[in-house]
Amino acid sequence: MSLTEVKTDKVPGRISNVHIGYDSTHGVNISKGILSFEYRRIHDATRNKPPTAATSATINLQQPSFFEWKLRFLSDCRIAFFVTDVQVAAGNQYALVDNGFSNKIEYFKVIMAIEDGFGTPKTRTYTITNGYCLRNNAVIGEDRDAVYEYEGEAEYISYSDA
């Protein structure tokens, strides 16, 4: 079982696939060895006069929000991040390049099976909008196997249930 984390909310579910590319038909679909998907919203703000409720009148400085994300795999998913074209216009624009540059991923979905409050099976699709993969590394997992982590940032992460 994998966990999806949003700040402190954890939703158990089985991630069925991760799709990375420039549209729904051009990209790579990873369907095995997906351990987890985590994300959190970053939205820093300071208040003028605490402890009143935070409103537009009491917020002194508010930066644009963004999201951090992390995907963990049992195998190295270099095919998705280093080899797959992620932009339709230019060609050969990869999410990660060995020189450290990264390109915006135009189509980035994480799909998982969940159950609603009544136990009805549903499919939850997370859409990562304007996502960038910024880091990758291998770590030793709990069972002594290598776990490969890919991390990045996005303008927005939304989900829909079907």
N, C-alpha and C. Protein backbone atom coordinates (compact mmCIF):
# COMPACT_ATOMS: atom_id res chain seq x y z
N MET A 1 0.85 -1.18 0.00
CA MET A 1 0.00 0.00 0.00
C MET A 1 0.89 1.23 0.00
N SER A 2 0.49 2.24 -0.74
CA SER A 2 1.24 3.49 -0.78
C SER A 2 0.45 4.57 -0.07
N LEU A 3 1.11 5.65 0.23
CA LEU A 3 0.45 6.76 0.88
C LEU A 3 0.59 8.00 0.01
N THR A 4 -0.46 8.76 -0.04
CA THR A 4 -0.41 10.05 -0.67
C THR A 4 -0.55 11.07 0.45
N GLU A 5 0.37 12.01 0.51
CA GLU A 5 0.40 12.94 1.63
C GLU A 5 0.16 14.36 1.15
N VAL A 6 -0.74 15.05 1.82
CA VAL A 6 -0.97 16.46 1.58
C VAL A 6 -0.84 17.12 2.95
N LYS A 7 0.32 17.76 3.17
CA LYS A 7 0.64 18.28 4.50
C LYS A 7 0.50 17.14 5.49
N THR A 8 -0.55 17.16 6.35
CA THR A 8 -0.69 16.10 7.34
C THR A 8 -1.77 15.10 6.96
N ASP A 9 -2.51 15.33 5.89
CA ASP A 9 -3.54 14.40 5.47
C ASP A 9 -2.93 13.28 4.64
N LYS A 10 -3.16 12.05 5.03
CA LYS A 10 -2.64 10.91 4.28
C LYS A 10 -3.81 10.08 3.79
N VAL A 11 -3.84 9.82 2.52
CA VAL A 11 -4.91 9.04 1.91
C VAL A 11 -4.31 7.74 1.42
N PRO A 12 -4.66 6.60 2.04
CA PRO A 12 -4.09 5.34 1.55
C PRO A 12 -4.72 4.96 0.22
N GLY A 13 -3.91 4.46 -0.64
CA GLY A 13 -4.39 4.04 -1.94
C GLY A 13 -3.29 3.33 -2.69
N ARG A 14 -3.66 2.64 -3.74
CA ARG A 14 -2.68 1.94 -4.55
C ARG A 14 -2.50 2.73 -5.84
N ILE A 15 -1.28 3.21 -6.06
CA ILE A 15 -1.01 3.98 -7.26
C ILE A 15 -0.94 3.02 -8.42
N SER A 16 -1.81 3.22 -9.40
CA SER A 16 -1.85 2.30 -10.53
C SER A 16 -0.90 2.72 -11.64
N ASN A 17 -0.74 4.02 -11.87
CA ASN A 17 0.22 4.44 -12.87
C ASN A 17 0.55 5.92 -12.76
N VAL A 18 1.69 6.24 -13.35
CA VAL A 18 2.18 7.61 -13.46
C VAL A 18 2.44 7.84 -14.94
N HIS A 19 1.84 8.89 -15.50
CA HIS A 19 2.03 9.19 -16.92
C HIS A 19 2.76 10.52 -17.04
N ILE A 20 3.86 10.51 -17.82
CA ILE A 20 4.66 11.71 -18.04
C ILE A 20 4.91 11.85 -19.53
N GLY A 21 4.65 13.03 -20.05
CA GLY A 21 4.87 13.29 -21.47
C GLY A 21 4.39 14.68 -21.84
N TYR A 22 3.96 14.85 -23.10
CA TYR A 22 3.42 16.16 -23.47
C TYR A 22 1.93 16.12 -23.78
N ASP A 23 1.33 14.94 -23.85
CA ASP A 23 -0.13 14.81 -23.90
C ASP A 23 -0.48 13.37 -23.55
N SER A 24 -1.76 13.04 -23.62
CA SER A 24 -2.20 11.72 -23.15
C SER A 24 -1.73 10.58 -24.03
N THR A 25 -1.33 10.86 -25.26
CA THR A 25 -0.88 9.78 -26.15
C THR A 25 0.63 9.79 -26.40
N HIS A 26 1.33 10.82 -25.96
CA HIS A 26 2.77 10.90 -26.16
C HIS A 26 3.46 11.01 -24.81
N GLY A 27 4.09 9.95 -24.41
CA GLY A 27 4.78 9.94 -23.14
C GLY A 27 5.03 8.52 -22.69
N VAL A 28 5.38 8.37 -21.44
CA VAL A 28 5.62 7.06 -20.88
C VAL A 28 4.65 6.84 -19.73
N ASN A 29 4.16 5.62 -19.63
CA ASN A 29 3.22 5.26 -18.58
C ASN A 29 3.90 4.23 -17.67
N ILE A 30 4.18 4.61 -16.44
CA ILE A 30 4.81 3.71 -15.47
C ILE A 30 3.70 3.05 -14.69
N SER A 31 3.69 1.72 -14.67
CA SER A 31 2.60 1.02 -13.98
C SER A 31 3.09 0.00 -12.95
N LYS A 32 4.39 -0.11 -12.77
CA LYS A 32 4.92 -1.08 -11.80
C LYS A 32 5.96 -0.42 -10.92
N GLY A 33 6.03 -0.88 -9.69
CA GLY A 33 7.07 -0.43 -8.78
C GLY A 33 6.89 0.98 -8.25
N ILE A 34 5.67 1.51 -8.27
CA ILE A 34 5.42 2.85 -7.75
C ILE A 34 5.14 2.72 -6.26
N LEU A 35 5.98 3.30 -5.44
CA LEU A 35 5.84 3.16 -4.00
C LEU A 35 4.96 4.24 -3.38
N SER A 36 5.18 5.50 -3.75
CA SER A 36 4.40 6.56 -3.11
C SER A 36 4.43 7.84 -3.92
N PHE A 37 3.46 8.67 -3.64
CA PHE A 37 3.36 10.01 -4.20
C PHE A 37 3.00 10.93 -3.05
N GLU A 38 3.79 11.98 -2.85
CA GLU A 38 3.54 12.96 -1.79
C GLU A 38 3.57 14.35 -2.40
N TYR A 39 2.78 15.22 -1.86
CA TYR A 39 2.89 16.62 -2.24
C TYR A 39 2.43 17.51 -1.13
N ARG A 40 2.87 18.76 -1.18
CA ARG A 40 2.43 19.73 -0.19
C ARG A 40 2.43 21.11 -0.81
N ARG A 41 1.51 21.91 -0.35
CA ARG A 41 1.38 23.27 -0.84
C ARG A 41 2.29 24.17 -0.02
N ILE A 42 3.02 25.03 -0.70
CA ILE A 42 3.88 26.01 -0.05
C ILE A 42 3.23 27.37 -0.27
N HIS A 43 2.85 28.00 0.81
CA HIS A 43 2.21 29.31 0.71
C HIS A 43 2.54 30.08 1.98
N ASP A 44 3.65 30.78 1.93
CA ASP A 44 4.09 31.52 3.10
C ASP A 44 3.42 32.89 3.14
N ALA A 45 3.03 33.27 4.32
CA ALA A 45 2.44 34.59 4.53
C ALA A 45 2.72 35.02 5.96
N THR A 46 2.82 36.30 6.20
CA THR A 46 3.01 36.81 7.55
C THR A 46 1.83 37.71 7.89
N ARG A 47 1.44 37.70 9.14
CA ARG A 47 0.29 38.50 9.58
C ARG A 47 0.76 39.86 10.09
N ASN A 48 -0.10 40.84 9.95
CA ASN A 48 0.18 42.16 10.52
C ASN A 48 0.00 42.15 12.03
N LYS A 49 -1.08 41.57 12.48
CA LYS A 49 -1.40 41.62 13.91
C LYS A 49 -2.04 40.31 14.36
N PRO A 50 -1.25 39.33 14.74
CA PRO A 50 -1.82 38.09 15.26
C PRO A 50 -2.47 38.37 16.60
N PRO A 51 -3.38 37.60 17.10
CA PRO A 51 -3.84 36.31 16.62
C PRO A 51 -5.18 36.37 15.90
N THR A 52 -5.52 37.47 15.28
CA THR A 52 -6.80 37.53 14.56
C THR A 52 -6.78 36.62 13.34
N ALA A 53 -7.94 36.40 12.79
CA ALA A 53 -8.04 35.52 11.63
C ALA A 53 -7.28 36.12 10.45
N ALA A 54 -6.67 35.26 9.68
CA ALA A 54 -5.92 35.72 8.50
C ALA A 54 -6.88 36.09 7.39
N THR A 55 -6.89 37.35 7.03
CA THR A 55 -7.70 37.84 5.91
C THR A 55 -6.80 38.70 5.03
N SER A 56 -7.32 39.16 3.92
CA SER A 56 -6.51 40.02 3.04
C SER A 56 -6.13 41.31 3.76
N ALA A 57 -6.93 41.73 4.74
CA ALA A 57 -6.62 42.95 5.47
C ALA A 57 -5.54 42.73 6.52
N THR A 58 -5.37 41.51 7.01
CA THR A 58 -4.38 41.27 8.06
C THR A 58 -3.10 40.61 7.57
N ILE A 59 -3.06 40.27 6.30
CA ILE A 59 -1.84 39.67 5.74
C ILE A 59 -0.93 40.79 5.24
N ASN A 60 0.29 40.81 5.72
CA ASN A 60 1.25 41.84 5.35
C ASN A 60 1.93 41.51 4.03
N LEU A 61 2.44 40.31 3.90
CA LEU A 61 3.17 39.92 2.72
C LEU A 61 2.73 38.53 2.33
N GLN A 62 2.32 38.36 1.11
CA GLN A 62 1.85 37.06 0.66
C GLN A 62 2.49 36.74 -0.68
N GLN A 63 3.31 35.71 -0.69
CA GLN A 63 3.98 35.27 -1.90
C GLN A 63 3.07 34.33 -2.67
N PRO A 64 3.31 34.16 -3.97
CA PRO A 64 2.52 33.18 -4.73
C PRO A 64 2.74 31.78 -4.17
N SER A 65 1.72 30.96 -4.21
CA SER A 65 1.86 29.60 -3.71
C SER A 65 2.37 28.69 -4.82
N PHE A 66 2.95 27.57 -4.40
CA PHE A 66 3.37 26.54 -5.33
C PHE A 66 3.33 25.21 -4.59
N PHE A 67 3.60 24.14 -5.27
CA PHE A 67 3.53 22.81 -4.69
C PHE A 67 4.86 22.10 -4.85
N GLU A 68 5.26 21.36 -3.83
CA GLU A 68 6.39 20.44 -3.91
C GLU A 68 5.82 19.04 -4.05
N TRP A 69 6.49 18.19 -4.83
CA TRP A 69 6.01 16.81 -4.99
C TRP A 69 7.19 15.85 -4.95
N LYS A 70 6.89 14.59 -4.62
CA LYS A 70 7.91 13.54 -4.60
C LYS A 70 7.26 12.22 -5.00
N LEU A 71 7.90 11.53 -5.92
CA LEU A 71 7.48 10.19 -6.33
C LEU A 71 8.60 9.21 -5.98
N ARG A 72 8.22 8.04 -5.44
CA ARG A 72 9.20 7.00 -5.11
C ARG A 72 8.88 5.75 -5.92
N PHE A 73 9.94 5.13 -6.45
CA PHE A 73 9.82 3.95 -7.30
C PHE A 73 10.78 2.87 -6.81
N LEU A 74 10.46 1.60 -7.11
CA LEU A 74 11.35 0.49 -6.83
C LEU A 74 12.45 0.34 -7.88
N SER A 75 12.26 0.93 -9.04
CA SER A 75 13.28 0.85 -10.08
C SER A 75 13.55 2.26 -10.60
N ASP A 76 14.70 2.42 -11.21
CA ASP A 76 15.08 3.72 -11.72
C ASP A 76 14.19 4.09 -12.91
N CYS A 77 13.48 5.18 -12.82
CA CYS A 77 12.54 5.59 -13.86
C CYS A 77 13.15 6.65 -14.76
N ARG A 78 14.41 6.45 -15.12
CA ARG A 78 15.09 7.40 -15.99
C ARG A 78 14.37 7.54 -17.33
N ILE A 79 13.70 6.48 -17.78
CA ILE A 79 12.99 6.56 -19.06
C ILE A 79 11.93 7.65 -19.03
N ALA A 80 11.29 7.83 -17.89
CA ALA A 80 10.24 8.84 -17.79
C ALA A 80 10.80 10.25 -17.69
N PHE A 81 11.89 10.41 -16.97
CA PHE A 81 12.38 11.76 -16.68
C PHE A 81 13.55 12.20 -17.55
N PHE A 82 14.40 11.28 -18.02
CA PHE A 82 15.58 11.64 -18.79
C PHE A 82 15.46 11.34 -20.28
N VAL A 83 14.48 10.55 -20.71
CA VAL A 83 14.42 10.09 -22.09
C VAL A 83 13.13 10.48 -22.80
N THR A 84 12.07 10.76 -22.08
CA THR A 84 10.77 11.05 -22.68
C THR A 84 10.61 12.54 -22.94
N ASP A 85 10.19 12.88 -24.16
CA ASP A 85 9.93 14.26 -24.52
C ASP A 85 8.71 14.75 -23.75
N VAL A 86 8.85 15.87 -23.05
CA VAL A 86 7.76 16.37 -22.22
C VAL A 86 7.18 17.69 -22.73
N GLN A 87 7.65 18.15 -23.91
CA GLN A 87 7.11 19.38 -24.49
C GLN A 87 6.85 19.16 -25.97
N VAL A 88 5.65 19.51 -26.40
CA VAL A 88 5.23 19.25 -27.76
C VAL A 88 5.99 20.11 -28.78
N ALA A 89 6.30 21.33 -28.45
CA ALA A 89 6.81 22.27 -29.44
C ALA A 89 8.23 22.00 -29.90
N ALA A 90 9.14 21.76 -29.01
CA ALA A 90 10.55 21.78 -29.38
C ALA A 90 11.13 20.41 -29.75
N GLY A 91 10.64 19.33 -29.18
CA GLY A 91 11.22 18.02 -29.43
C GLY A 91 12.48 17.82 -28.61
N ASN A 92 12.66 16.61 -28.10
CA ASN A 92 13.81 16.27 -27.26
C ASN A 92 13.97 17.18 -26.06
N GLN A 93 12.86 17.56 -25.49
CA GLN A 93 12.86 18.35 -24.26
C GLN A 93 12.50 17.40 -23.13
N TYR A 94 13.49 17.03 -22.34
CA TYR A 94 13.30 16.02 -21.29
C TYR A 94 13.07 16.69 -19.94
N ALA A 95 12.37 15.99 -19.06
CA ALA A 95 12.09 16.52 -17.73
C ALA A 95 13.39 16.79 -16.98
N LEU A 96 14.34 15.89 -17.09
CA LEU A 96 15.67 16.09 -16.50
C LEU A 96 16.72 15.82 -17.57
N VAL A 97 17.77 16.60 -17.51
CA VAL A 97 18.89 16.41 -18.41
C VAL A 97 20.12 16.24 -17.53
N ASP A 98 21.06 15.40 -17.94
CA ASP A 98 22.22 15.10 -17.09
C ASP A 98 23.02 16.32 -16.69
N ASN A 99 22.93 17.43 -17.43
CA ASN A 99 23.66 18.64 -17.04
C ASN A 99 22.94 19.42 -15.94
N GLY A 100 21.79 18.92 -15.51
CA GLY A 100 21.09 19.55 -14.40
C GLY A 100 19.91 20.40 -14.80
N PHE A 101 19.76 20.72 -16.08
CA PHE A 101 18.61 21.52 -16.49
C PHE A 101 17.35 20.68 -16.45
N SER A 102 16.23 21.33 -16.24
CA SER A 102 14.96 20.62 -16.29
C SER A 102 13.98 21.41 -17.14
N ASN A 103 13.06 20.70 -17.74
CA ASN A 103 12.04 21.31 -18.59
C ASN A 103 10.66 21.07 -18.00
N LYS A 104 9.75 21.99 -18.30
CA LYS A 104 8.37 21.86 -17.81
C LYS A 104 7.73 20.61 -18.42
N ILE A 105 7.07 19.82 -17.57
CA ILE A 105 6.36 18.62 -18.02
C ILE A 105 4.94 19.05 -18.36
N GLU A 106 4.57 18.94 -19.63
CA GLU A 106 3.27 19.43 -20.07
C GLU A 106 2.12 18.50 -19.70
N TYR A 107 2.38 17.20 -19.57
CA TYR A 107 1.32 16.25 -19.21
C TYR A 107 1.88 15.35 -18.11
N PHE A 108 1.33 15.46 -16.91
CA PHE A 108 1.87 14.77 -15.74
C PHE A 108 0.69 14.34 -14.87
N LYS A 109 0.43 13.04 -14.82
CA LYS A 109 -0.70 12.50 -14.06
C LYS A 109 -0.22 11.38 -13.14
N VAL A 110 -0.82 11.33 -11.95
CA VAL A 110 -0.63 10.22 -11.02
C VAL A 110 -2.02 9.67 -10.75
N ILE A 111 -2.21 8.38 -11.02
CA ILE A 111 -3.54 7.78 -10.92
C ILE A 111 -3.52 6.68 -9.87
N MET A 112 -4.52 6.69 -9.01
CA MET A 112 -4.56 5.69 -7.94
C MET A 112 -5.98 5.22 -7.66
N ALA A 113 -6.07 4.02 -7.10
CA ALA A 113 -7.36 3.45 -6.70
C ALA A 113 -7.62 3.83 -5.25
N ILE A 114 -8.81 4.32 -4.98
CA ILE A 114 -9.21 4.66 -3.61
C ILE A 114 -10.62 4.13 -3.36
N GLU A 115 -11.08 4.27 -2.14
CA GLU A 115 -12.48 3.99 -1.78
C GLU A 115 -13.05 5.23 -1.14
N ASP A 116 -14.30 5.55 -1.48
CA ASP A 116 -14.93 6.69 -0.83
C ASP A 116 -15.41 6.29 0.56
N GLY A 117 -16.09 7.18 1.25
CA GLY A 117 -16.56 6.94 2.61
C GLY A 117 -17.55 5.80 2.74
N PHE A 118 -18.15 5.37 1.62
CA PHE A 118 -19.10 4.27 1.63
C PHE A 118 -18.46 2.96 1.18
N GLY A 119 -17.16 2.97 0.90
CA GLY A 119 -16.46 1.77 0.46
C GLY A 119 -16.56 1.52 -1.04
N THR A 120 -17.07 2.49 -1.78
CA THR A 120 -17.19 2.34 -3.22
C THR A 120 -15.84 2.62 -3.89
N PRO A 121 -15.36 1.70 -4.72
CA PRO A 121 -14.08 1.94 -5.40
C PRO A 121 -14.16 3.12 -6.37
N LYS A 122 -13.11 3.93 -6.37
CA LYS A 122 -13.02 5.08 -7.26
C LYS A 122 -11.60 5.16 -7.80
N THR A 123 -11.46 5.90 -8.87
CA THR A 123 -10.14 6.20 -9.41
C THR A 123 -9.87 7.68 -9.20
N ARG A 124 -8.78 7.98 -8.51
CA ARG A 124 -8.39 9.37 -8.27
C ARG A 124 -7.23 9.70 -9.20
N THR A 125 -7.37 10.80 -9.93
CA THR A 125 -6.33 11.25 -10.84
C THR A 125 -5.80 12.59 -10.36
N TYR A 126 -4.52 12.62 -10.04
CA TYR A 126 -3.83 13.86 -9.68
C TYR A 126 -3.21 14.43 -10.94
N THR A 127 -3.44 15.71 -11.19
CA THR A 127 -2.85 16.40 -12.33
C THR A 127 -1.85 17.42 -11.81
N ILE A 128 -0.61 17.27 -12.24
CA ILE A 128 0.46 18.20 -11.85
C ILE A 128 0.58 19.22 -12.98
N THR A 129 0.24 20.47 -12.71
CA THR A 129 0.23 21.53 -13.71
C THR A 129 1.53 22.31 -13.64
N ASN A 130 2.16 22.50 -14.82
CA ASN A 130 3.43 23.21 -14.90
C ASN A 130 4.44 22.63 -13.92
N GLY A 131 4.59 21.32 -13.96
CA GLY A 131 5.50 20.62 -13.06
C GLY A 131 6.91 20.53 -13.61
N TYR A 132 7.85 20.61 -12.72
CA TYR A 132 9.27 20.45 -13.05
C TYR A 132 9.86 19.40 -12.14
N CYS A 133 10.65 18.50 -12.69
CA CYS A 133 11.42 17.56 -11.88
C CYS A 133 12.77 18.21 -11.63
N LEU A 134 13.12 18.38 -10.37
CA LEU A 134 14.33 19.12 -10.03
C LEU A 134 15.42 18.24 -9.42
N ARG A 135 15.07 17.11 -8.85
CA ARG A 135 16.04 16.26 -8.16
C ARG A 135 15.71 14.80 -8.38
N ASN A 136 16.73 13.98 -8.39
CA ASN A 136 16.53 12.54 -8.36
C ASN A 136 17.68 11.92 -7.60
N ASN A 137 17.40 10.84 -6.87
CA ASN A 137 18.44 10.13 -6.15
C ASN A 137 17.97 8.73 -5.80
N ALA A 138 18.91 7.90 -5.47
CA ALA A 138 18.61 6.54 -5.03
C ALA A 138 18.91 6.45 -3.53
N VAL A 139 18.02 5.84 -2.81
CA VAL A 139 18.20 5.62 -1.37
C VAL A 139 17.97 4.14 -1.10
N ILE A 140 18.46 3.67 0.03
CA ILE A 140 18.23 2.29 0.40
C ILE A 140 16.91 2.21 1.14
N GLY A 141 16.02 1.36 0.65
CA GLY A 141 14.70 1.20 1.26
C GLY A 141 14.75 0.33 2.51
N GLU A 142 13.61 0.21 3.16
CA GLU A 142 13.51 -0.57 4.39
C GLU A 142 13.88 -2.03 4.18
N ASP A 143 13.58 -2.57 3.00
CA ASP A 143 13.88 -3.97 2.73
C ASP A 143 15.23 -4.13 2.03
N ARG A 144 16.09 -3.10 2.13
CA ARG A 144 17.46 -3.10 1.59
C ARG A 144 17.51 -3.03 0.07
N ASP A 145 16.38 -2.81 -0.57
CA ASP A 145 16.38 -2.58 -2.02
C ASP A 145 16.55 -1.09 -2.28
N ALA A 146 17.05 -0.77 -3.43
CA ALA A 146 17.17 0.64 -3.78
C ALA A 146 15.79 1.22 -4.06
N VAL A 147 15.56 2.41 -3.57
CA VAL A 147 14.34 3.16 -3.83
C VAL A 147 14.79 4.43 -4.55
N TYR A 148 14.16 4.71 -5.67
CA TYR A 148 14.52 5.87 -6.47
C TYR A 148 13.49 6.97 -6.26
N GLU A 149 13.97 8.14 -5.89
CA GLU A 149 13.10 9.27 -5.62
C GLU A 149 13.29 10.34 -6.69
N TYR A 150 12.18 10.87 -7.15
CA TYR A 150 12.18 12.00 -8.07
C TYR A 150 11.35 13.09 -7.40
N GLU A 151 11.91 14.30 -7.31
CA GLU A 151 11.26 15.40 -6.62
C GLU A 151 11.19 16.62 -7.51
N GLY A 152 10.19 17.45 -7.27
CA GLY A 152 10.09 18.67 -8.05
C GLY A 152 9.09 19.64 -7.48
N GLU A 153 8.76 20.60 -8.31
CA GLU A 153 7.80 21.63 -7.94
C GLU A 153 6.79 21.78 -9.06
N ALA A 154 5.64 22.34 -8.70
CA ALA A 154 4.57 22.56 -9.67
C ALA A 154 3.83 23.83 -9.33
N GLU A 155 3.23 24.39 -10.35
CA GLU A 155 2.38 25.55 -10.15
C GLU A 155 1.12 25.15 -9.37
N TYR A 156 0.59 23.98 -9.71
CA TYR A 156 -0.67 23.56 -9.10
C TYR A 156 -0.79 22.05 -9.19
N ILE A 157 -1.38 21.44 -8.16
CA ILE A 157 -1.71 20.02 -8.18
C ILE A 157 -3.17 19.89 -7.80
N SER A 158 -3.94 19.29 -8.69
CA SER A 158 -5.37 19.11 -8.44
C SER A 158 -5.71 17.64 -8.59
N TYR A 159 -6.90 17.25 -8.14
CA TYR A 159 -7.32 15.87 -8.33
C TYR A 159 -8.80 15.81 -8.67
N SER A 160 -9.16 14.71 -9.32
CA SER A 160 -10.56 14.44 -9.63
C SER A 160 -10.82 12.96 -9.39
N ASP A 161 -12.03 12.63 -8.99
CA ASP A 161 -12.43 11.25 -8.74
C ASP A 161 -13.43 10.80 -9.80
N ALA A 162 -13.28 9.56 -10.22
CA ALA A 162 -14.24 9.00 -11.17
C ALA A 162 -14.68 7.64 -10.71
